[in-house]
N, C-alpha and C. Protein backbone atom coordinates (compact mmCIF):
# COMPACT_ATOMS: atom_id res chain seq x y z
N MET A 1 77.01 -1.91 48.64
CA MET A 1 76.23 -3.10 48.96
C MET A 1 76.16 -3.28 50.47
N SER A 2 74.99 -3.62 50.96
CA SER A 2 74.76 -3.78 52.39
C SER A 2 75.41 -5.06 52.90
N LYS A 3 75.90 -5.00 54.14
CA LYS A 3 76.51 -6.20 54.72
C LYS A 3 75.45 -7.15 55.28
N HIS A 4 74.19 -6.68 55.37
CA HIS A 4 73.10 -7.51 55.86
C HIS A 4 72.32 -8.09 54.69
N LYS A 5 71.76 -9.26 54.90
CA LYS A 5 70.91 -9.88 53.88
C LYS A 5 69.61 -9.09 53.78
N SER A 6 69.01 -9.16 52.60
CA SER A 6 67.73 -8.46 52.42
C SER A 6 66.62 -9.27 53.07
N ASN A 7 65.46 -8.68 53.18
CA ASN A 7 64.30 -9.33 53.78
C ASN A 7 63.47 -10.05 52.73
N TYR A 8 63.99 -10.18 51.53
CA TYR A 8 63.28 -10.82 50.42
C TYR A 8 63.13 -12.31 50.71
N VAL A 9 61.90 -12.81 50.60
CA VAL A 9 61.61 -14.23 50.86
C VAL A 9 61.61 -14.97 49.53
N ARG A 10 62.39 -16.06 49.46
CA ARG A 10 62.43 -16.89 48.25
C ARG A 10 62.41 -18.36 48.66
N THR A 11 61.30 -19.03 48.36
CA THR A 11 61.18 -20.44 48.71
C THR A 11 61.18 -21.34 47.48
N THR A 12 61.36 -20.74 46.30
CA THR A 12 61.36 -21.53 45.07
C THR A 12 62.66 -22.31 44.95
N LYS A 13 62.60 -23.46 44.29
CA LYS A 13 63.79 -24.28 44.05
C LYS A 13 64.55 -23.81 42.82
N TYR A 14 63.80 -23.28 41.85
CA TYR A 14 64.38 -23.04 40.53
C TYR A 14 64.27 -21.57 40.12
N THR A 15 65.13 -21.19 39.17
CA THR A 15 64.98 -19.96 38.41
C THR A 15 64.69 -20.38 36.98
N LEU A 16 64.42 -19.43 36.11
CA LEU A 16 64.17 -19.78 34.70
C LEU A 16 65.38 -20.48 34.09
N LEU A 17 66.58 -20.02 34.45
CA LEU A 17 67.80 -20.61 33.87
C LEU A 17 68.15 -21.97 34.48
N SER A 18 67.85 -22.14 35.75
CA SER A 18 68.27 -23.37 36.41
C SER A 18 67.21 -24.48 36.37
N PHE A 19 66.02 -24.18 35.85
CA PHE A 19 64.95 -25.17 35.91
C PHE A 19 65.31 -26.48 35.22
N LEU A 20 65.71 -26.43 33.96
CA LEU A 20 65.97 -27.67 33.21
C LEU A 20 67.11 -28.50 33.82
N PRO A 21 68.30 -27.92 34.05
CA PRO A 21 69.36 -28.77 34.62
C PRO A 21 69.06 -29.28 36.03
N LYS A 22 68.54 -28.40 36.89
CA LYS A 22 68.26 -28.83 38.27
C LYS A 22 67.14 -29.87 38.30
N SER A 23 66.11 -29.65 37.50
CA SER A 23 64.98 -30.57 37.49
C SER A 23 65.42 -31.95 36.99
N LEU A 24 66.21 -31.98 35.93
CA LEU A 24 66.72 -33.27 35.45
C LEU A 24 67.60 -33.95 36.50
N PHE A 25 68.42 -33.16 37.17
CA PHE A 25 69.27 -33.71 38.23
C PHE A 25 68.41 -34.36 39.31
N PHE A 26 67.37 -33.65 39.76
CA PHE A 26 66.49 -34.20 40.80
C PHE A 26 65.72 -35.42 40.30
N GLN A 27 65.36 -35.44 39.01
CA GLN A 27 64.66 -36.60 38.46
C GLN A 27 65.54 -37.84 38.50
N PHE A 28 66.82 -37.67 38.19
CA PHE A 28 67.71 -38.83 38.16
C PHE A 28 68.31 -39.16 39.52
N MET A 29 67.87 -38.47 40.56
CA MET A 29 68.21 -38.90 41.91
C MET A 29 67.27 -40.02 42.35
N ARG A 30 66.20 -40.21 41.59
CA ARG A 30 65.26 -41.31 41.88
C ARG A 30 65.80 -42.58 41.22
N LEU A 31 65.87 -43.63 42.00
CA LEU A 31 66.43 -44.89 41.54
C LEU A 31 65.66 -45.48 40.36
N ALA A 32 64.35 -45.33 40.36
CA ALA A 32 63.53 -45.88 39.26
C ALA A 32 63.89 -45.22 37.93
N ASN A 33 64.12 -43.91 37.93
CA ASN A 33 64.47 -43.22 36.69
C ASN A 33 65.85 -43.65 36.19
N ILE A 34 66.77 -43.90 37.10
CA ILE A 34 68.10 -44.38 36.69
C ILE A 34 67.98 -45.78 36.08
N TYR A 35 67.15 -46.62 36.68
CA TYR A 35 66.93 -47.96 36.16
C TYR A 35 66.38 -47.91 34.74
N PHE A 36 65.36 -47.10 34.52
CA PHE A 36 64.75 -47.01 33.19
C PHE A 36 65.69 -46.35 32.18
N LEU A 37 66.54 -45.45 32.63
CA LEU A 37 67.55 -44.87 31.73
C LEU A 37 68.55 -45.95 31.30
N GLY A 38 68.99 -46.75 32.25
CA GLY A 38 69.90 -47.86 31.92
C GLY A 38 69.26 -48.85 30.96
N THR A 39 68.00 -49.18 31.19
CA THR A 39 67.27 -50.08 30.30
C THR A 39 67.17 -49.49 28.89
N ALA A 40 66.89 -48.20 28.81
CA ALA A 40 66.77 -47.53 27.51
C ALA A 40 68.11 -47.53 26.78
N ILE A 41 69.19 -47.33 27.51
CA ILE A 41 70.52 -47.33 26.89
C ILE A 41 70.85 -48.73 26.36
N LEU A 42 70.55 -49.74 27.16
CA LEU A 42 70.82 -51.12 26.73
C LEU A 42 69.98 -51.51 25.52
N GLN A 43 68.75 -51.02 25.44
CA GLN A 43 67.91 -51.36 24.30
C GLN A 43 68.34 -50.62 23.03
N CYS A 44 69.18 -49.62 23.16
CA CYS A 44 69.70 -48.91 21.98
C CYS A 44 70.83 -49.70 21.31
N ILE A 45 71.37 -50.71 21.99
CA ILE A 45 72.45 -51.52 21.42
C ILE A 45 71.82 -52.74 20.76
N PRO A 46 71.90 -52.84 19.40
CA PRO A 46 71.20 -53.92 18.68
C PRO A 46 71.70 -55.32 19.02
N THR A 47 72.97 -55.49 19.39
CA THR A 47 73.49 -56.82 19.70
C THR A 47 72.97 -57.35 21.04
N ILE A 48 72.55 -56.44 21.94
CA ILE A 48 72.06 -56.84 23.26
C ILE A 48 70.56 -57.05 23.25
N SER A 49 69.83 -56.16 22.59
CA SER A 49 68.37 -56.21 22.65
C SER A 49 67.76 -56.21 21.25
N PRO A 50 66.87 -57.16 20.99
CA PRO A 50 66.19 -57.19 19.69
C PRO A 50 65.01 -56.21 19.63
N LEU A 51 64.66 -55.62 20.78
CA LEU A 51 63.50 -54.71 20.84
C LEU A 51 63.85 -53.34 20.27
N ASN A 52 62.83 -52.64 19.85
CA ASN A 52 62.99 -51.28 19.36
C ASN A 52 63.30 -50.36 20.54
N PRO A 53 64.33 -49.52 20.48
CA PRO A 53 64.69 -48.66 21.62
C PRO A 53 63.58 -47.67 21.99
N ILE A 54 62.72 -47.36 21.06
CA ILE A 54 61.63 -46.41 21.34
C ILE A 54 60.73 -46.92 22.46
N THR A 55 60.56 -48.23 22.56
CA THR A 55 59.68 -48.80 23.59
C THR A 55 60.20 -48.55 25.00
N ALA A 56 61.47 -48.27 25.16
CA ALA A 56 62.03 -47.96 26.49
C ALA A 56 62.24 -46.45 26.66
N ILE A 57 62.54 -45.75 25.56
CA ILE A 57 62.84 -44.32 25.67
C ILE A 57 61.57 -43.50 25.87
N LEU A 58 60.52 -43.79 25.11
CA LEU A 58 59.30 -42.98 25.20
C LEU A 58 58.66 -42.99 26.59
N PRO A 59 58.51 -44.13 27.24
CA PRO A 59 57.93 -44.10 28.60
C PRO A 59 58.80 -43.29 29.58
N LEU A 60 60.12 -43.42 29.46
CA LEU A 60 61.02 -42.67 30.34
C LEU A 60 60.86 -41.17 30.09
N VAL A 61 60.87 -40.76 28.83
CA VAL A 61 60.72 -39.35 28.49
C VAL A 61 59.37 -38.83 28.97
N PHE A 62 58.32 -39.63 28.79
CA PHE A 62 56.98 -39.22 29.23
C PHE A 62 56.96 -39.00 30.74
N VAL A 63 57.51 -39.93 31.51
CA VAL A 63 57.53 -39.80 32.97
C VAL A 63 58.34 -38.58 33.39
N LEU A 64 59.50 -38.38 32.74
CA LEU A 64 60.33 -37.22 33.08
C LEU A 64 59.60 -35.91 32.79
N ILE A 65 58.97 -35.82 31.62
CA ILE A 65 58.27 -34.58 31.25
C ILE A 65 57.11 -34.30 32.19
N VAL A 66 56.31 -35.32 32.51
CA VAL A 66 55.18 -35.12 33.42
C VAL A 66 55.69 -34.69 34.80
N SER A 67 56.74 -35.33 35.30
CA SER A 67 57.29 -34.96 36.62
C SER A 67 57.85 -33.55 36.61
N MET A 68 58.52 -33.18 35.52
CA MET A 68 59.10 -31.84 35.45
C MET A 68 58.01 -30.78 35.33
N ILE A 69 56.95 -31.06 34.61
CA ILE A 69 55.84 -30.11 34.51
C ILE A 69 55.19 -29.93 35.88
N ARG A 70 54.99 -31.04 36.59
CA ARG A 70 54.41 -30.96 37.93
C ARG A 70 55.29 -30.13 38.86
N GLU A 71 56.60 -30.37 38.84
CA GLU A 71 57.51 -29.59 39.68
C GLU A 71 57.52 -28.13 39.28
N GLY A 72 57.45 -27.87 37.97
CA GLY A 72 57.42 -26.49 37.49
C GLY A 72 56.19 -25.75 37.98
N ILE A 73 55.03 -26.42 37.95
CA ILE A 73 53.79 -25.80 38.42
C ILE A 73 53.87 -25.54 39.93
N GLU A 74 54.37 -26.50 40.69
CA GLU A 74 54.52 -26.32 42.14
C GLU A 74 55.47 -25.16 42.45
N ASP A 75 56.57 -25.08 41.70
CA ASP A 75 57.53 -24.01 41.94
C ASP A 75 56.95 -22.65 41.55
N TYR A 76 56.15 -22.62 40.50
CA TYR A 76 55.52 -21.36 40.11
C TYR A 76 54.53 -20.91 41.18
N ARG A 77 53.81 -21.84 41.78
CA ARG A 77 52.90 -21.48 42.89
C ARG A 77 53.69 -20.92 44.08
N ARG A 78 54.83 -21.54 44.37
CA ARG A 78 55.67 -21.00 45.45
C ARG A 78 56.14 -19.59 45.11
N TYR A 79 56.49 -19.36 43.83
CA TYR A 79 56.92 -18.03 43.39
C TYR A 79 55.81 -17.00 43.61
N LEU A 80 54.56 -17.35 43.27
CA LEU A 80 53.44 -16.43 43.47
C LEU A 80 53.22 -16.14 44.96
N GLU A 81 53.35 -17.17 45.80
CA GLU A 81 53.22 -16.98 47.25
C GLU A 81 54.34 -16.08 47.78
N ASP A 82 55.56 -16.29 47.27
CA ASP A 82 56.69 -15.44 47.66
C ASP A 82 56.44 -13.99 47.26
N LYS A 83 55.94 -13.81 46.06
CA LYS A 83 55.67 -12.46 45.55
C LYS A 83 54.63 -11.76 46.43
N GLN A 84 53.61 -12.50 46.83
CA GLN A 84 52.58 -11.94 47.71
C GLN A 84 53.17 -11.60 49.09
N ALA A 85 53.97 -12.52 49.63
CA ALA A 85 54.57 -12.28 50.94
C ALA A 85 55.52 -11.09 50.91
N ASN A 86 56.27 -10.93 49.84
CA ASN A 86 57.24 -9.85 49.73
C ASN A 86 56.60 -8.49 49.50
N SER A 87 55.35 -8.47 49.08
CA SER A 87 54.70 -7.19 48.79
C SER A 87 53.72 -6.77 49.88
N GLN A 88 53.71 -7.46 51.02
CA GLN A 88 52.82 -7.08 52.12
C GLN A 88 53.22 -5.71 52.66
N PRO A 89 52.25 -4.82 52.89
CA PRO A 89 52.59 -3.51 53.43
C PRO A 89 53.00 -3.60 54.89
N VAL A 90 54.02 -2.83 55.24
CA VAL A 90 54.57 -2.82 56.59
C VAL A 90 54.78 -1.36 57.01
N ARG A 91 54.46 -1.06 58.26
CA ARG A 91 54.68 0.29 58.79
C ARG A 91 56.04 0.34 59.49
N ILE A 92 56.90 1.25 59.04
CA ILE A 92 58.21 1.41 59.68
C ILE A 92 58.36 2.85 60.15
N LEU A 93 59.11 3.04 61.22
CA LEU A 93 59.36 4.37 61.77
C LEU A 93 60.19 5.16 60.76
N SER A 94 59.75 6.38 60.48
CA SER A 94 60.50 7.23 59.54
C SER A 94 60.38 8.67 59.96
N SER A 95 61.04 9.51 59.21
CA SER A 95 60.95 10.94 59.47
C SER A 95 60.24 11.61 58.31
N LEU A 96 59.70 12.79 58.56
CA LEU A 96 59.02 13.56 57.52
C LEU A 96 60.06 14.43 56.82
N GLU A 97 60.60 13.93 55.73
CA GLU A 97 61.68 14.63 55.05
C GLU A 97 61.18 15.82 54.24
N ASN A 98 59.96 15.75 53.73
CA ASN A 98 59.44 16.81 52.86
C ASN A 98 58.36 17.63 53.52
N GLY A 99 58.25 17.63 54.82
CA GLY A 99 57.29 18.46 55.52
C GLY A 99 55.85 17.98 55.41
N PRO A 100 54.87 18.91 55.51
CA PRO A 100 53.45 18.56 55.54
C PRO A 100 52.96 17.81 54.30
N SER A 101 53.49 18.10 53.13
CA SER A 101 53.04 17.38 51.93
C SER A 101 53.37 15.90 52.03
N ASP A 102 54.53 15.59 52.61
CA ASP A 102 54.93 14.20 52.83
C ASP A 102 53.96 13.52 53.81
N LEU A 103 53.54 14.25 54.82
CA LEU A 103 52.61 13.72 55.81
C LEU A 103 51.28 13.35 55.16
N GLU A 104 50.75 14.21 54.30
CA GLU A 104 49.47 13.93 53.64
C GLU A 104 49.57 12.71 52.73
N LEU A 105 50.68 12.57 52.01
CA LEU A 105 50.89 11.40 51.14
C LEU A 105 50.92 10.13 51.98
N LYS A 106 51.59 10.18 53.12
CA LYS A 106 51.66 9.00 54.00
C LYS A 106 50.29 8.63 54.53
N ARG A 107 49.47 9.63 54.89
CA ARG A 107 48.12 9.34 55.38
C ARG A 107 47.27 8.68 54.30
N GLN A 108 47.35 9.19 53.07
CA GLN A 108 46.57 8.63 51.97
C GLN A 108 47.01 7.19 51.68
N LYS A 109 48.32 6.96 51.65
CA LYS A 109 48.84 5.62 51.39
C LYS A 109 48.41 4.67 52.51
N ALA A 110 48.48 5.12 53.75
CA ALA A 110 48.09 4.29 54.89
C ALA A 110 46.61 3.93 54.82
N GLN A 111 45.77 4.88 54.44
CA GLN A 111 44.33 4.60 54.37
C GLN A 111 44.01 3.63 53.24
N LEU A 112 44.77 3.67 52.16
CA LEU A 112 44.56 2.71 51.07
C LEU A 112 44.97 1.31 51.47
N LEU A 113 46.14 1.19 52.10
CA LEU A 113 46.68 -0.12 52.44
C LEU A 113 46.07 -0.70 53.72
N PHE A 114 45.68 0.16 54.64
CA PHE A 114 45.11 -0.28 55.92
C PHE A 114 43.78 0.43 56.15
N PRO A 115 42.73 0.09 55.37
CA PRO A 115 41.46 0.82 55.46
C PRO A 115 40.76 0.71 56.82
N ASP A 116 41.08 -0.32 57.60
CA ASP A 116 40.41 -0.50 58.88
C ASP A 116 40.99 0.37 59.99
N PHE A 117 42.08 1.07 59.71
CA PHE A 117 42.67 1.95 60.72
C PHE A 117 42.08 3.34 60.61
N SER A 118 42.04 4.04 61.72
CA SER A 118 41.42 5.36 61.74
C SER A 118 42.30 6.39 61.05
N THR A 119 41.75 7.58 60.86
CA THR A 119 42.48 8.64 60.16
C THR A 119 43.59 9.22 61.00
N ASP A 120 43.60 8.95 62.29
CA ASP A 120 44.69 9.46 63.12
C ASP A 120 45.86 8.47 63.11
N PHE A 121 46.16 7.95 61.93
CA PHE A 121 47.27 7.03 61.75
C PHE A 121 48.56 7.71 62.21
N PRO A 122 49.43 7.00 62.91
CA PRO A 122 50.66 7.64 63.41
C PRO A 122 51.44 8.31 62.28
N ASN A 123 51.73 9.58 62.50
CA ASN A 123 52.36 10.41 61.46
C ASN A 123 53.81 10.04 61.18
N CYS A 124 54.44 9.39 62.11
CA CYS A 124 55.88 9.16 61.96
C CYS A 124 56.20 7.79 61.36
N TYR A 125 55.19 7.12 60.79
CA TYR A 125 55.43 5.82 60.18
C TYR A 125 55.26 5.90 58.67
N ASP A 126 56.11 5.19 57.96
CA ASP A 126 56.03 5.12 56.51
C ASP A 126 55.61 3.71 56.13
N ILE A 127 55.02 3.56 54.96
CA ILE A 127 54.56 2.26 54.49
C ILE A 127 55.54 1.75 53.43
N VAL A 128 56.09 0.55 53.65
CA VAL A 128 56.99 -0.09 52.68
C VAL A 128 56.53 -1.52 52.47
N GLU A 129 57.03 -2.15 51.42
CA GLU A 129 56.76 -3.57 51.22
C GLU A 129 57.66 -4.37 52.16
N SER A 130 57.21 -5.55 52.56
CA SER A 130 57.96 -6.33 53.53
C SER A 130 59.36 -6.70 53.04
N LYS A 131 59.55 -6.83 51.73
CA LYS A 131 60.88 -7.14 51.21
C LYS A 131 61.86 -6.00 51.40
N ASP A 132 61.34 -4.78 51.65
CA ASP A 132 62.19 -3.60 51.80
C ASP A 132 62.51 -3.26 53.25
N VAL A 133 62.05 -4.08 54.19
CA VAL A 133 62.38 -3.87 55.60
C VAL A 133 63.86 -4.16 55.79
N LYS A 134 64.55 -3.26 56.46
CA LYS A 134 66.00 -3.40 56.63
C LYS A 134 66.34 -3.61 58.10
N VAL A 135 67.51 -4.15 58.35
CA VAL A 135 67.99 -4.37 59.71
C VAL A 135 68.06 -3.04 60.43
N GLY A 136 67.53 -3.00 61.65
CA GLY A 136 67.60 -1.79 62.47
C GLY A 136 66.37 -0.91 62.38
N GLN A 137 65.46 -1.17 61.46
CA GLN A 137 64.26 -0.35 61.36
C GLN A 137 63.25 -0.77 62.43
N VAL A 138 62.49 0.21 62.91
CA VAL A 138 61.45 -0.05 63.89
C VAL A 138 60.15 -0.29 63.14
N VAL A 139 59.50 -1.42 63.42
CA VAL A 139 58.29 -1.84 62.72
C VAL A 139 57.11 -1.78 63.68
N LEU A 140 56.00 -1.21 63.21
CA LEU A 140 54.78 -1.17 64.01
C LEU A 140 53.88 -2.33 63.58
N ILE A 141 53.56 -3.20 64.53
CA ILE A 141 52.72 -4.37 64.27
C ILE A 141 51.47 -4.26 65.13
N TYR A 142 50.31 -4.47 64.51
CA TYR A 142 49.05 -4.49 65.24
C TYR A 142 48.63 -5.93 65.48
N GLU A 143 47.62 -6.09 66.33
CA GLU A 143 47.12 -7.41 66.68
C GLU A 143 46.70 -8.19 65.43
N ASP A 144 47.03 -9.49 65.41
CA ASP A 144 46.68 -10.42 64.34
C ASP A 144 47.39 -10.15 63.02
N GLU A 145 48.46 -9.38 63.03
CA GLU A 145 49.24 -9.16 61.80
C GLU A 145 50.42 -10.12 61.76
N THR A 146 50.84 -10.45 60.55
CA THR A 146 51.99 -11.32 60.36
C THR A 146 53.27 -10.51 60.47
N PHE A 147 54.27 -11.07 61.11
CA PHE A 147 55.56 -10.39 61.22
C PHE A 147 56.28 -10.47 59.88
N PRO A 148 56.82 -9.36 59.38
CA PRO A 148 57.51 -9.38 58.10
C PRO A 148 58.95 -9.90 58.20
N SER A 149 59.46 -10.04 59.40
CA SER A 149 60.84 -10.49 59.59
C SER A 149 61.04 -10.85 61.06
N ASP A 150 62.27 -11.19 61.42
CA ASP A 150 62.58 -11.40 62.83
C ASP A 150 62.57 -10.03 63.51
N LEU A 151 61.93 -9.94 64.66
CA LEU A 151 61.79 -8.66 65.34
C LEU A 151 62.17 -8.78 66.80
N ILE A 152 62.55 -7.65 67.37
CA ILE A 152 62.79 -7.54 68.81
C ILE A 152 61.65 -6.71 69.37
N LEU A 153 61.03 -7.18 70.43
CA LEU A 153 59.89 -6.48 71.03
C LEU A 153 60.40 -5.26 71.80
N LEU A 154 59.98 -4.07 71.33
CA LEU A 154 60.37 -2.81 71.99
C LEU A 154 59.25 -2.23 72.83
N GLY A 155 58.03 -2.54 72.48
CA GLY A 155 56.89 -2.00 73.20
C GLY A 155 55.64 -2.80 72.90
N THR A 156 54.66 -2.69 73.78
CA THR A 156 53.40 -3.39 73.60
C THR A 156 52.28 -2.57 74.21
N SER A 157 51.07 -2.80 73.77
CA SER A 157 49.92 -2.07 74.33
C SER A 157 49.52 -2.62 75.69
N ASN A 158 50.01 -3.81 76.05
CA ASN A 158 49.72 -4.38 77.37
C ASN A 158 50.52 -3.65 78.43
N SER A 159 49.89 -3.33 79.54
CA SER A 159 50.57 -2.58 80.60
C SER A 159 51.69 -3.38 81.26
N ASP A 160 51.61 -4.71 81.20
CA ASP A 160 52.63 -5.54 81.84
C ASP A 160 53.84 -5.80 80.93
N GLY A 161 53.83 -5.24 79.71
CA GLY A 161 54.97 -5.39 78.80
C GLY A 161 55.08 -6.75 78.14
N LYS A 162 53.97 -7.46 78.06
CA LYS A 162 53.98 -8.78 77.45
C LYS A 162 53.18 -8.78 76.15
N ALA A 163 53.62 -9.61 75.21
CA ALA A 163 52.90 -9.80 73.95
C ALA A 163 52.78 -11.29 73.71
N PHE A 164 51.75 -11.69 73.00
CA PHE A 164 51.53 -13.10 72.70
C PHE A 164 51.58 -13.28 71.20
N ILE A 165 52.39 -14.26 70.77
CA ILE A 165 52.55 -14.49 69.33
C ILE A 165 52.21 -15.95 69.00
N GLU A 166 51.76 -16.15 67.79
CA GLU A 166 51.48 -17.49 67.29
C GLU A 166 52.55 -17.83 66.25
N THR A 167 53.18 -18.97 66.38
CA THR A 167 54.27 -19.37 65.47
C THR A 167 53.87 -20.52 64.56
N ALA A 168 52.58 -20.60 64.24
CA ALA A 168 52.08 -21.73 63.43
C ALA A 168 52.76 -21.81 62.07
N MET A 169 53.12 -20.68 61.49
CA MET A 169 53.77 -20.69 60.18
C MET A 169 55.20 -21.21 60.26
N LEU A 170 55.80 -21.12 61.43
CA LEU A 170 57.19 -21.58 61.60
C LEU A 170 57.27 -23.03 62.04
N ASP A 171 56.53 -23.36 63.08
CA ASP A 171 56.65 -24.70 63.66
C ASP A 171 55.35 -25.49 63.71
N GLY A 172 54.26 -24.91 63.23
CA GLY A 172 52.99 -25.63 63.18
C GLY A 172 52.20 -25.59 64.48
N GLU A 173 52.76 -24.99 65.54
CA GLU A 173 52.06 -24.92 66.82
C GLU A 173 51.09 -23.76 66.83
N LYS A 174 49.85 -24.04 67.19
CA LYS A 174 48.81 -23.00 67.21
C LYS A 174 48.74 -22.28 68.55
N SER A 175 49.42 -22.79 69.56
CA SER A 175 49.34 -22.16 70.87
C SER A 175 50.10 -20.83 70.88
N LEU A 176 49.61 -19.90 71.70
CA LEU A 176 50.25 -18.59 71.80
C LEU A 176 51.47 -18.68 72.70
N LYS A 177 52.52 -17.99 72.29
CA LYS A 177 53.75 -17.95 73.08
C LYS A 177 53.90 -16.54 73.66
N LYS A 178 54.27 -16.48 74.93
CA LYS A 178 54.40 -15.20 75.61
C LYS A 178 55.80 -14.64 75.39
N ARG A 179 55.86 -13.37 75.00
CA ARG A 179 57.14 -12.67 74.85
C ARG A 179 57.07 -11.41 75.70
N SER A 180 58.18 -11.08 76.34
CA SER A 180 58.23 -9.89 77.20
C SER A 180 59.28 -8.93 76.70
N ILE A 181 59.07 -7.66 77.01
CA ILE A 181 60.06 -6.64 76.67
C ILE A 181 61.23 -6.80 77.62
N ASP A 182 62.44 -6.72 77.10
CA ASP A 182 63.64 -6.76 77.93
C ASP A 182 63.60 -5.57 78.89
N GLN A 183 63.99 -5.79 80.14
CA GLN A 183 63.91 -4.73 81.15
C GLN A 183 64.73 -3.49 80.77
N LYS A 184 65.90 -3.67 80.19
CA LYS A 184 66.73 -2.53 79.80
C LYS A 184 66.06 -1.73 78.69
N ILE A 185 65.46 -2.42 77.74
CA ILE A 185 64.75 -1.74 76.65
C ILE A 185 63.51 -1.05 77.20
N SER A 186 62.82 -1.70 78.12
CA SER A 186 61.62 -1.14 78.71
C SER A 186 61.92 0.18 79.42
N GLN A 187 63.06 0.27 80.09
CA GLN A 187 63.44 1.49 80.79
C GLN A 187 63.82 2.60 79.81
N MET A 188 64.36 2.22 78.64
CA MET A 188 64.82 3.22 77.66
C MET A 188 63.69 3.73 76.77
N THR A 189 62.65 2.97 76.60
CA THR A 189 61.58 3.34 75.67
C THR A 189 60.25 3.47 76.36
N SER A 190 59.36 4.16 75.73
CA SER A 190 57.97 4.18 76.17
C SER A 190 57.11 4.14 74.93
N LYS A 191 55.88 3.71 75.09
CA LYS A 191 54.97 3.56 73.97
C LYS A 191 54.77 4.91 73.26
N ASP A 192 54.73 6.00 74.00
CA ASP A 192 54.48 7.32 73.42
C ASP A 192 55.59 7.76 72.47
N ARG A 193 56.78 7.26 72.64
CA ARG A 193 57.87 7.66 71.75
C ARG A 193 57.75 7.03 70.38
N PHE A 194 57.11 5.88 70.25
CA PHE A 194 57.04 5.18 68.97
C PHE A 194 55.73 5.42 68.24
N ILE A 195 54.68 5.77 68.96
CA ILE A 195 53.38 5.91 68.30
C ILE A 195 52.97 7.36 68.28
């Protein structure tokens, strides 16, 4: 087992097993639901209330079921978004373990997943899903692509060693932020070594 966490993104609150208990727990964190539960319990005692207990239990059950269905649908949508985010294709630096046949497979896969790129796709990159990106791998990112994980800038196409990123998905800011290559890394690497 790896000592590093995986790159798998999970924003859902529930799993299939935890949905019912967790959802009920969150429902009864609302003061109104606790009040109506107490009212329903009191109406079940014939010496305290002459009313039929169903008149208090059914509205509470209805509200709980509707709220739980709504939360379930929202969580399922988050699950679908997570699944899409985790399956985004990412180019990582790799070696050609099986020779020329491996190279041809990589070119075909790259053309399927990235049709807008030319046929001279870098030979030393492999295509993986974003959930399979591991700590220490070198990732090739093109302009306007989403980052699959936290990254360290090793190189850029700009001659001044600067890149501009948008962090709207993290903090909501649409302005571009300037990032520069660390001077020590810049001296150790060149663009030609990675592409």
